[in-house]
Amino acid sequence: MPEGPEIRRAAMRIDKILRGREAEVVQFGQPQLRRFEPILSGQQVEWVSSRGKALLTRFANDLTLYSHNQLYGRWYVVRRDKLPRTQRTLRVAIHTATHSALLYSASDIEVLTPEALPVQKYLARLGPDALDEDVHWRDILALLAAPQFQRRTLAALLLDQGFVAGIGNYLRSEILYAARVSPFDRPRDLSRGQLGRLARATLELTRLSLATAGITNKPARVARARRAGLSRRHYRFAIFDRQNEPCFTCHDPIERVEVSGRRIYLCRNCQPAARSNSQREGVS
């Protein structure tokens, strides 16, 4: 599933071709949305942005197109009438005089009024977006101290969009590794210093991924790998998808574990658990 940085980059690409332009034709693949085609067609697009893993397109008549890519959705930006070669199902098409923004495969799509937008079921439960410039690491630190999050394991907490919006599976592993904390600990188990590192890493790694199109490894490591002719696969991540490869810091093998059916990667040496196995039993 695309994470917050991927959706924000898609929003930036779409905003570039749609903002301030007339959406001459708007089409929907889902029958229940087709009544909005004549309402949105001919409207100017005011902006396109993202909130967590959702993409929002605002029209001049105050209606907002909400979409969530889910597992398989994908946005394309193409010259008008130059459809991409794909076996995916077209769900949304927004055509200007020169370009088209096309959403394939996703099914979580709504057209919302200004009143319905803030109470939409996904948007209403989101925490602060890690990509929003006005979110400070101290805001994340305050959330880590909040009673509703204190007893959650970090592995579960970082995937909770009600904690911080936009973080997914690869960012979770990268953030925990950068903060040098165990996915099996809870905020209440950590020292003030550890909590501060975690809060900073949450924002820094998410924003780095946006700036680098998904690369979360340290820039110096990336530069060395590129000079050595290594592929992106070998330098993109510091820990995610690197099972049994040596940790960049201590050279111990990286471990992959399954947590609630989702994979997570860690270095046991660099991310020592604050709690023993017996203490972790029965705690989510």
C-alpha atoms as a PDB file:
ATOM      1  CA  MET A   1       0.000   0.000   0.000  1.00  0.00           C
ATOM      2  CA  PRO A   2       1.404   3.450  -0.836  1.00  0.00           C
ATOM      3  CA  GLU A   3       2.353   5.405   2.263  1.00  0.00           C
ATOM      4  CA  GLY A   4       1.935   9.099   2.994  1.00  0.00           C
ATOM      5  CA  PRO A   5       5.007  10.285   1.046  1.00  0.00           C
ATOM      6  CA  GLU A   6       3.971   8.384  -2.101  1.00  0.00           C
ATOM      7  CA  ILE A   7       0.448   9.808  -1.963  1.00  0.00           C
ATOM      8  CA  ARG A   8       1.783  13.337  -1.346  1.00  0.00           C
ATOM      9  CA  ARG A   9       4.098  13.035  -4.361  1.00  0.00           C
ATOM     10  CA  ALA A  10       1.160  11.842  -6.477  1.00  0.00           C
ATOM     11  CA  ALA A  11      -0.864  14.809  -5.232  1.00  0.00           C
ATOM     12  CA  MET A  12       1.942  17.192  -6.164  1.00  0.00           C
ATOM     13  CA  ARG A  13       2.122  15.770  -9.698  1.00  0.00           C
ATOM     14  CA  ILE A  14      -1.641  15.981 -10.147  1.00  0.00           C
ATOM     15  CA  ASP A  15      -1.827  19.469  -8.633  1.00  0.00           C
ATOM     16  CA  LYS A  16       0.723  20.646 -11.192  1.00  0.00           C
ATOM     17  CA  ILE A  17      -1.526  19.753 -14.131  1.00  0.00           C
ATOM     18  CA  LEU A  18      -4.936  20.481 -12.578  1.00  0.00           C
ATOM     19  CA  ARG A  19      -4.624  23.495 -10.283  1.00  0.00           C
ATOM     20  CA  GLY A  20      -6.347  26.557 -11.745  1.00  0.00           C
ATOM     21  CA  ARG A  21      -7.505  24.673 -14.830  1.00  0.00           C
ATOM     22  CA  GLU A  22     -10.941  23.621 -15.963  1.00  0.00           C
ATOM     23  CA  ALA A  23     -11.773  19.961 -15.571  1.00  0.00           C
ATOM     24  CA  GLU A  24     -13.475  19.734 -18.947  1.00  0.00           C
ATOM     25  CA  VAL A  25     -14.615  16.163 -18.372  1.00  0.00           C
ATOM     26  CA  VAL A  26     -14.823  14.201 -15.120  1.00  0.00           C
ATOM     27  CA  GLN A  27     -15.722  10.519 -15.323  1.00  0.00           C
ATOM     28  CA  PHE A  28     -16.289   7.795 -12.728  1.00  0.00           C
ATOM     29  CA  GLY A  29     -16.096   4.045 -13.134  1.00  0.00           C
ATOM     30  CA  GLN A  30     -18.411   3.343 -10.204  1.00  0.00           C
ATOM     31  CA  PRO A  31     -22.122   3.679 -11.060  1.00  0.00           C
ATOM     32  CA  GLN A  32     -23.055   5.344  -7.751  1.00  0.00           C
ATOM     33  CA  LEU A  33     -20.701   8.245  -8.498  1.00  0.00           C
ATOM     34  CA  ARG A  34     -21.742   8.940 -12.082  1.00  0.00           C
ATOM     35  CA  ARG A  35     -24.378  11.455 -10.964  1.00  0.00           C
ATOM     36  CA  PHE A  36     -21.473  13.746 -10.080  1.00  0.00           C
ATOM     37  CA  GLU A  37     -20.026  13.746 -13.605  1.00  0.00           C
ATOM     38  CA  PRO A  38     -22.138  16.694 -14.884  1.00  0.00           C
ATOM     39  CA  ILE A  39     -21.714  18.497 -11.550  1.00  0.00           C
ATOM     40  CA  LEU A  40     -17.894  18.389 -11.641  1.00  0.00           C
ATOM     41  CA  SER A  41     -17.321  18.572 -15.390  1.00  0.00           C
ATOM     42  CA  GLY A  42     -16.615  22.158 -16.395  1.00  0.00           C
ATOM     43  CA  GLN A  43     -15.499  23.142 -12.893  1.00  0.00           C
ATOM     44  CA  GLN A  44     -12.107  24.678 -12.164  1.00  0.00           C
ATOM     45  CA  VAL A  45      -9.815  22.637  -9.911  1.00  0.00           C
ATOM     46  CA  GLU A  46      -8.686  24.768  -6.980  1.00  0.00           C
ATOM     47  CA  TRP A  47      -6.050  22.409  -5.552  1.00  0.00           C
ATOM     48  CA  VAL A  48      -4.957  18.829  -5.074  1.00  0.00           C
ATOM     49  CA  SER A  49      -3.347  17.662  -1.832  1.00  0.00           C
ATOM     50  CA  SER A  50      -3.151  14.682   0.493  1.00  0.00           C
ATOM     51  CA  ARG A  51      -4.124  13.869   4.043  1.00  0.00           C
ATOM     52  CA  GLY A  52      -2.446  10.766   5.375  1.00  0.00           C
ATOM     53  CA  LYS A  53      -2.923   8.152   2.657  1.00  0.00           C
ATOM     54  CA  ALA A  54      -5.917   9.907   1.085  1.00  0.00           C
ATOM     55  CA  LEU A  55      -5.776  12.213  -1.932  1.00  0.00           C
ATOM     56  CA  LEU A  56      -8.103  15.232  -2.065  1.00  0.00           C
ATOM     57  CA  THR A  57      -9.092  17.223  -5.166  1.00  0.00           C
ATOM     58  CA  ARG A  58     -10.994  20.456  -4.512  1.00  0.00           C
ATOM     59  CA  PHE A  59     -13.276  21.948  -7.154  1.00  0.00           C
ATOM     60  CA  ALA A  60     -14.499  25.535  -7.453  1.00  0.00           C
ATOM     61  CA  ASN A  61     -18.060  24.522  -6.510  1.00  0.00           C
ATOM     62  CA  ASP A  62     -16.709  23.506  -3.055  1.00  0.00           C
ATOM     63  CA  LEU A  63     -17.009  19.774  -3.681  1.00  0.00           C
ATOM     64  CA  THR A  64     -13.970  17.628  -2.870  1.00  0.00           C
ATOM     65  CA  LEU A  65     -13.085  14.350  -4.528  1.00  0.00           C
ATOM     66  CA  TYR A  66     -11.735  11.972  -1.889  1.00  0.00           C
ATOM     67  CA  SER A  67      -9.820   8.854  -2.882  1.00  0.00           C
ATOM     68  CA  HIS A  68      -7.802   6.240  -1.024  1.00  0.00           C
ATOM     69  CA  ASN A  69      -5.534   4.000  -3.091  1.00  0.00           C
ATOM     70  CA  GLN A  70      -5.886   1.061  -0.692  1.00  0.00           C
ATOM     71  CA  LEU A  71      -3.605  -1.827  -1.741  1.00  0.00           C
ATOM     72  CA  TYR A  72      -3.740  -1.617  -5.509  1.00  0.00           C
ATOM     73  CA  GLY A  73      -4.859   1.864  -6.517  1.00  0.00           C
ATOM     74  CA  ARG A  74      -2.600   3.984  -8.680  1.00  0.00           C
ATOM     75  CA  TRP A  75      -2.770   7.494 -10.104  1.00  0.00           C
ATOM     76  CA  TYR A  76      -1.370   8.275 -13.567  1.00  0.00           C
ATOM     77  CA  VAL A  77      -0.711  11.699 -15.067  1.00  0.00           C
ATOM     78  CA  VAL A  78      -0.700  11.641 -18.866  1.00  0.00           C
ATOM     79  CA  ARG A  79      -1.258  13.819 -21.905  1.00  0.00           C
ATOM     80  CA  ARG A  80      -4.958  13.895 -22.718  1.00  0.00           C
ATOM     81  CA  ASP A  81      -6.129  10.924 -24.780  1.00  0.00           C
ATOM     82  CA  LYS A  82      -2.847   9.057 -24.176  1.00  0.00           C
ATOM     83  CA  LEU A  83      -4.120   6.353 -21.844  1.00  0.00           C
ATOM     84  CA  PRO A  84      -1.483   4.211 -20.120  1.00  0.00           C
ATOM     85  CA  ARG A  85      -1.087   0.579 -21.062  1.00  0.00           C
ATOM     86  CA  THR A  86      -2.485  -1.256 -18.065  1.00  0.00           C
ATOM     87  CA  GLN A  87      -4.856  -4.070 -17.213  1.00  0.00           C
ATOM     88  CA  ARG A  88      -6.179  -2.086 -14.255  1.00  0.00           C
ATOM     89  CA  THR A  89      -9.773  -0.841 -14.026  1.00  0.00           C
ATOM     90  CA  LEU A  90     -10.255   2.900 -14.537  1.00  0.00           C
ATOM     91  CA  ARG A  91     -12.081   4.427 -11.555  1.00  0.00           C
ATOM     92  CA  VAL A  92     -11.659   8.195 -11.990  1.00  0.00           C
ATOM     93  CA  ALA A  93     -10.687  10.331 -14.977  1.00  0.00           C
ATOM     94  CA  ILE A  94     -10.198  14.103 -14.788  1.00  0.00           C
ATOM     95  CA  HIS A  95      -9.470  15.638 -18.194  1.00  0.00           C
ATOM     96  CA  THR A  96      -8.250  19.182 -18.805  1.00  0.00           C
ATOM     97  CA  ALA A  97      -7.626  20.594 -22.281  1.00  0.00           C
ATOM     98  CA  THR A  98      -4.096  19.150 -22.297  1.00  0.00           C
ATOM     99  CA  HIS A  99      -3.704  16.504 -19.578  1.00  0.00           C
ATOM    100  CA  SER A 100      -5.523  13.763 -17.710  1.00  0.00           C
ATOM    101  CA  ALA A 101      -5.296  12.550 -14.104  1.00  0.00           C
ATOM    102  CA  LEU A 102      -6.402   8.910 -13.952  1.00  0.00           C
ATOM    103  CA  LEU A 103      -7.038   6.704 -10.938  1.00  0.00           C
ATOM    104  CA  TYR A 104      -7.013   2.956 -11.514  1.00  0.00           C
ATOM    105  CA  SER A 105      -8.043   0.026  -9.313  1.00  0.00           C
ATOM    106  CA  ALA A 106      -9.013   1.909  -6.132  1.00  0.00           C
ATOM    107  CA  SER A 107     -12.602   1.650  -4.925  1.00  0.00           C
ATOM    108  CA  ASP A 108     -12.623   3.927  -1.851  1.00  0.00           C
ATOM    109  CA  ILE A 109     -13.816   7.078  -3.633  1.00  0.00           C
ATOM    110  CA  GLU A 110     -16.307   9.738  -2.559  1.00  0.00           C
ATOM    111  CA  VAL A 111     -17.457  13.215  -3.559  1.00  0.00           C
ATOM    112  CA  LEU A 112     -17.890  15.299  -0.418  1.00  0.00           C
ATOM    113  CA  THR A 113     -19.446  18.616   0.535  1.00  0.00           C
ATOM    114  CA  PRO A 114     -17.557  20.982   2.886  1.00  0.00           C
ATOM    115  CA  GLU A 115     -19.733  19.711   5.742  1.00  0.00           C
ATOM    116  CA  ALA A 116     -19.144  16.036   4.958  1.00  0.00           C
ATOM    117  CA  LEU A 117     -15.387  16.323   4.405  1.00  0.00           C
ATOM    118  CA  PRO A 118     -14.198  16.581   8.049  1.00  0.00           C
ATOM    119  CA  VAL A 119     -16.488  13.757   9.200  1.00  0.00           C
ATOM    120  CA  GLN A 120     -15.605  11.333   6.419  1.00  0.00           C
ATOM    121  CA  LYS A 121     -14.877   8.007   8.145  1.00  0.00           C
ATOM    122  CA  TYR A 122     -11.170   7.826   7.259  1.00  0.00           C
ATOM    123  CA  LEU A 123     -10.327  11.527   7.529  1.00  0.00           C
ATOM    124  CA  ALA A 124     -12.182  12.008  10.818  1.00  0.00           C
ATOM    125  CA  ARG A 125      -9.971   9.580  12.713  1.00  0.00           C
ATOM    126  CA  LEU A 126      -6.585  10.796  11.460  1.00  0.00           C
ATOM    127  CA  GLY A 127      -3.928  12.119  13.763  1.00  0.00           C
ATOM    128  CA  PRO A 128      -1.513  14.882  12.683  1.00  0.00           C
ATOM    129  CA  ASP A 129       0.034  14.383   9.257  1.00  0.00           C
ATOM    130  CA  ALA A 130       3.789  13.851   9.498  1.00  0.00           C
ATOM    131  CA  LEU A 131       4.237  15.726   6.216  1.00  0.00           C
ATOM    132  CA  ASP A 132       2.480  18.913   7.320  1.00  0.00           C
ATOM    133  CA  GLU A 133       5.018  21.654   7.929  1.00  0.00           C
ATOM    134  CA  ASP A 134       3.213  22.968  11.000  1.00  0.00           C
ATOM    135  CA  VAL A 135       3.588  19.637  12.818  1.00  0.00           C
ATOM    136  CA  HIS A 136       6.605  19.777  15.162  1.00  0.00           C
ATOM    137  CA  TRP A 137       8.412  16.854  16.748  1.00  0.00           C
ATOM    138  CA  ARG A 138       7.240  18.087  20.140  1.00  0.00           C
ATOM    139  CA  ASP A 139       3.656  17.491  18.956  1.00  0.00           C
ATOM    140  CA  ILE A 140       4.575  13.848  18.374  1.00  0.00           C
ATOM    141  CA  LEU A 141       6.304  13.717  21.755  1.00  0.00           C
ATOM    142  CA  ALA A 142       3.098  14.951  23.406  1.00  0.00           C
ATOM    143  CA  LEU A 143       1.103  12.222  21.673  1.00  0.00           C
ATOM    144  CA  LEU A 144       3.543   9.570  22.883  1.00  0.00           C
ATOM    145  CA  ALA A 145       2.757  10.728  26.426  1.00  0.00           C
ATOM    146  CA  ALA A 146      -1.020  10.678  25.866  1.00  0.00           C
ATOM    147  CA  PRO A 147      -2.880   8.049  27.938  1.00  0.00           C
ATOM    148  CA  GLN A 148      -4.537   6.437  24.908  1.00  0.00           C
ATOM    149  CA  PHE A 149      -1.155   5.668  23.337  1.00  0.00           C
ATOM    150  CA  GLN A 150       1.042   4.951  26.378  1.00  0.00           C
ATOM    151  CA  ARG A 151       0.333   1.206  26.535  1.00  0.00           C
ATOM    152  CA  ARG A 152       0.393   0.422  22.821  1.00  0.00           C
ATOM    153  CA  THR A 153       3.407  -1.392  21.414  1.00  0.00           C
ATOM    154  CA  LEU A 154       5.355   0.782  19.012  1.00  0.00           C
ATOM    155  CA  ALA A 155       4.860  -1.801  16.265  1.00  0.00           C
ATOM    156  CA  ALA A 156       1.098  -1.303  16.498  1.00  0.00           C
ATOM    157  CA  LEU A 157       1.153   2.400  17.312  1.00  0.00           C
ATOM    158  CA  LEU A 158       3.103   3.533  14.271  1.00  0.00           C
ATOM    159  CA  LEU A 159       0.575   1.917  11.926  1.00  0.00           C
ATOM    160  CA  ASP A 160      -2.354   3.569  13.718  1.00  0.00           C
ATOM    161  CA  GLN A 161      -3.415   6.470  11.507  1.00  0.00           C
ATOM    162  CA  GLY A 162      -5.121   7.993  14.532  1.00  0.00           C
ATOM    163  CA  PHE A 163      -1.679   8.450  16.092  1.00  0.00           C
ATOM    164  CA  VAL A 164       0.209   9.943  13.151  1.00  0.00           C
ATOM    165  CA  ALA A 165      -1.189   9.939   9.627  1.00  0.00           C
ATOM    166  CA  GLY A 166       0.718   8.641   6.623  1.00  0.00           C
ATOM    167  CA  ILE A 167       3.045   6.063   8.171  1.00  0.00           C
ATOM    168  CA  GLY A 168       2.998   2.540   6.757  1.00  0.00           C
ATOM    169  CA  ASN A 169       5.037  -0.617   6.894  1.00  0.00           C
ATOM    170  CA  TYR A 170       8.413   0.462   5.510  1.00  0.00           C
ATOM    171  CA  LEU A 171       8.416   3.757   7.401  1.00  0.00           C
ATOM    172  CA  ARG A 172       7.589   1.944  10.633  1.00  0.00           C
ATOM    173  CA  SER A 173      10.728  -0.216  10.484  1.00  0.00           C
ATOM    174  CA  GLU A 174      12.905   2.686   9.360  1.00  0.00           C
ATOM    175  CA  ILE A 175      11.663   5.026  12.105  1.00  0.00           C
ATOM    176  CA  LEU A 176      12.134   2.508  14.910  1.00  0.00           C
ATOM    177  CA  TYR A 177      15.625   1.632  13.701  1.00  0.00           C
ATOM    178  CA  ALA A 178      16.646   5.298  13.421  1.00  0.00           C
ATOM    179  CA  ALA A 179      15.321   5.919  16.944  1.00  0.00           C
ATOM    180  CA  ARG A 180      17.108   2.788  18.257  1.00  0.00           C
ATOM    181  CA  VAL A 181      13.996   1.456  20.002  1.00  0.00           C
ATOM    182  CA  SER A 182      12.354  -1.954  19.939  1.00  0.00           C
ATOM    183  CA  PRO A 183       9.021  -2.438  18.137  1.00  0.00           C
ATOM    184  CA  PHE A 184       7.864  -4.503  21.118  1.00  0.00           C
ATOM    185  CA  ASP A 185       8.198  -1.727  23.669  1.00  0.00           C
ATOM    186  CA  ARG A 186       5.556   0.835  24.522  1.00  0.00           C
ATOM    187  CA  PRO A 187       5.924   4.606  24.986  1.00  0.00           C
ATOM    188  CA  ARG A 188       5.619   4.131  28.747  1.00  0.00           C
ATOM    189  CA  ASP A 189       8.695   1.854  28.692  1.00  0.00           C
ATOM    190  CA  LEU A 190      10.986   4.443  27.110  1.00  0.00           C
ATOM    191  CA  SER A 191      13.137   7.161  28.604  1.00  0.00           C
ATOM    192  CA  ARG A 192      12.594  10.826  27.798  1.00  0.00           C
ATOM    193  CA  GLY A 193      15.596  10.704  25.492  1.00  0.00           C
ATOM    194  CA  GLN A 194      14.291   7.679  23.634  1.00  0.00           C
ATOM    195  CA  LEU A 195      10.877   9.282  23.237  1.00  0.00           C
ATOM    196  CA  GLY A 196      12.504  12.407  21.847  1.00  0.00           C
ATOM    197  CA  ARG A 197      14.517  10.390  19.313  1.00  0.00           C
ATOM    198  CA  LEU A 198      11.375   8.543  18.270  1.00  0.00           C
ATOM    199  CA  ALA A 199       9.379  11.751  17.850  1.00  0.00           C
ATOM    200  CA  ARG A 200      12.115  13.331  15.742  1.00  0.00           C
ATOM    201  CA  ALA A 201      12.639  10.207  13.617  1.00  0.00           C
ATOM    202  CA  THR A 202       8.910   9.972  12.934  1.00  0.00           C
ATOM    203  CA  LEU A 203       8.929  13.335  11.178  1.00  0.00           C
ATOM    204  CA  GLU A 204      12.440  13.267   9.742  1.00  0.00           C
ATOM    205  CA  LEU A 205      12.164   9.870   8.027  1.00  0.00           C
ATOM    206  CA  THR A 206       8.682  10.536   6.636  1.00  0.00           C
ATOM    207  CA  ARG A 207       9.778  13.890   5.223  1.00  0.00           C
ATOM    208  CA  LEU A 208      13.018  12.438   3.893  1.00  0.00           C
ATOM    209  CA  SER A 209      11.001   9.796   2.033  1.00  0.00           C
ATOM    210  CA  LEU A 210       8.916  12.544   0.430  1.00  0.00           C
ATOM    211  CA  ALA A 211      12.004  14.484  -0.652  1.00  0.00           C
ATOM    212  CA  THR A 212      13.843  11.446  -2.051  1.00  0.00           C
ATOM    213  CA  ALA A 213      10.952   9.498  -3.623  1.00  0.00           C
ATOM    214  CA  GLY A 214      11.077   6.779  -0.993  1.00  0.00           C
ATOM    215  CA  ILE A 215      14.755   6.591   0.024  1.00  0.00           C
ATOM    216  CA  THR A 216      15.088   6.595   3.813  1.00  0.00           C
ATOM    217  CA  ASN A 217      18.711   5.545   4.212  1.00  0.00           C
ATOM    218  CA  LYS A 218      21.337   8.057   5.297  1.00  0.00           C
ATOM    219  CA  PRO A 219      22.498  10.253   2.389  1.00  0.00           C
ATOM    220  CA  ALA A 220      26.161   9.329   2.935  1.00  0.00           C
ATOM    221  CA  ARG A 221      25.364   5.607   2.614  1.00  0.00           C
ATOM    222  CA  VAL A 222      23.291   6.261  -0.485  1.00  0.00           C
ATOM    223  CA  ALA A 223      26.111   8.258  -2.083  1.00  0.00           C
ATOM    224  CA  ARG A 224      28.665   5.510  -1.398  1.00  0.00           C
ATOM    225  CA  ALA A 225      26.365   2.843  -2.796  1.00  0.00           C
ATOM    226  CA  ARG A 226      25.730   4.843  -5.941  1.00  0.00           C
ATOM    227  CA  ARG A 227      29.442   5.400  -6.471  1.00  0.00           C
ATOM    228  CA  ALA A 228      29.910   1.650  -6.155  1.00  0.00           C
ATOM    229  CA  GLY A 229      27.313   1.083  -8.867  1.00  0.00           C
ATOM    230  CA  LEU A 230      24.806  -0.636  -6.590  1.00  0.00           C
ATOM    231  CA  SER A 231      21.130  -0.693  -7.494  1.00  0.00           C
ATOM    232  CA  ARG A 232      18.425   1.252  -5.638  1.00  0.00           C
ATOM    233  CA  ARG A 233      17.370  -1.977  -3.958  1.00  0.00           C
ATOM    234  CA  HIS A 234      20.713  -2.034  -2.106  1.00  0.00           C
ATOM    235  CA  TYR A 235      20.625   1.507  -0.759  1.00  0.00           C
ATOM    236  CA  ARG A 236      16.990   2.591  -0.480  1.00  0.00           C
ATOM    237  CA  PHE A 237      16.392   1.440   3.099  1.00  0.00           C
ATOM    238  CA  ALA A 238      18.506   1.301   6.237  1.00  0.00           C
ATOM    239  CA  ILE A 239      16.736  -1.825   7.509  1.00  0.00           C
ATOM    240  CA  PHE A 240      13.433  -2.591   5.761  1.00  0.00           C
ATOM    241  CA  ASP A 241      13.540  -5.569   3.382  1.00  0.00           C
ATOM    242  CA  ARG A 242      17.130  -6.392   4.441  1.00  0.00           C
ATOM    243  CA  GLN A 243      16.548  -9.696   6.237  1.00  0.00           C
ATOM    244  CA  ASN A 244      19.816 -11.497   7.140  1.00  0.00           C
ATOM    245  CA  GLU A 245      21.916  -8.658   5.710  1.00  0.00           C
ATOM    246  CA  PRO A 246      24.372  -6.931   8.084  1.00  0.00           C
ATOM    247  CA  CYS A 247      23.209  -3.960  10.108  1.00  0.00           C
ATOM    248  CA  PHE A 248      24.878  -0.789   8.844  1.00  0.00           C
ATOM    249  CA  THR A 249      25.802   0.131  12.421  1.00  0.00           C
ATOM    250  CA  CYS A 250      26.843  -3.045  14.250  1.00  0.00           C
ATOM    251  CA  HIS A 251      26.996  -5.605  11.394  1.00  0.00           C
ATOM    252  CA  ASP A 252      24.716  -8.084  13.188  1.00  0.00           C
ATOM    253  CA  PRO A 253      22.199  -9.774  10.855  1.00  0.00           C
ATOM    254  CA  ILE A 254      18.889  -7.969  10.449  1.00  0.00           C
ATOM    255  CA  GLU A 255      15.865  -9.952  11.546  1.00  0.00           C
ATOM    256  CA  ARG A 256      12.411 -10.114  10.006  1.00  0.00           C
ATOM    257  CA  VAL A 257       9.435 -10.807  12.276  1.00  0.00           C
ATOM    258  CA  GLU A 258       5.686 -10.971  11.697  1.00  0.00           C
ATOM    259  CA  VAL A 259       3.500  -8.750  13.847  1.00  0.00           C
ATOM    260  CA  SER A 260      -0.261  -9.107  13.276  1.00  0.00           C
ATOM    261  CA  GLY A 261       0.426 -10.440   9.784  1.00  0.00           C
ATOM    262  CA  ARG A 262       2.672  -7.524   8.811  1.00  0.00           C
ATOM    263  CA  ARG A 263       6.435  -7.822   8.457  1.00  0.00           C
ATOM    264  CA  ILE A 264       8.784  -5.686  10.466  1.00  0.00           C
ATOM    265  CA  TYR A 265      12.591  -5.576  10.400  1.00  0.00           C
ATOM    266  CA  LEU A 266      14.884  -4.898  13.330  1.00  0.00           C
ATOM    267  CA  CYS A 267      18.399  -5.202  14.667  1.00  0.00           C
ATOM    268  CA  ARG A 268      18.240  -6.775  18.123  1.00  0.00           C
ATOM    269  CA  ASN A 269      21.603  -5.273  19.059  1.00  0.00           C
ATOM    270  CA  CYS A 270      20.847  -1.683  18.019  1.00  0.00           C
ATOM    271  CA  GLN A 271      17.220  -1.834  19.157  1.00  0.00           C
ATOM    272  CA  PRO A 272      17.393  -3.540  22.566  1.00  0.00           C
ATOM    273  CA  ALA A 273      14.043  -4.195  24.221  1.00  0.00           C
ATOM    274  CA  ALA A 274      13.321  -2.271  27.401  1.00  0.00           C
ATOM    275  CA  ARG A 275      11.001  -5.071  28.569  1.00  0.00           C
ATOM    276  CA  SER A 276      11.623  -8.776  28.946  1.00  0.00           C
ATOM    277  CA  ASN A 277       9.629 -11.393  27.036  1.00  0.00           C
ATOM    278  CA  SER A 278       7.627 -12.204  30.165  1.00  0.00           C
ATOM    279  CA  GLN A 279       6.684  -8.541  30.591  1.00  0.00           C
ATOM    280  CA  ARG A 280       5.488  -8.359  26.965  1.00  0.00           C
ATOM    281  CA  GLU A 281       3.088 -11.268  27.240  1.00  0.00           C
ATOM    282  CA  GLY A 282      -0.522 -10.260  26.845  1.00  0.00           C
ATOM    283  CA  VAL A 283       0.272  -6.634  26.048  1.00  0.00           C
ATOM    284  CA  SER A 284      -0.797  -5.263  22.625  1.00  0.00           C
END
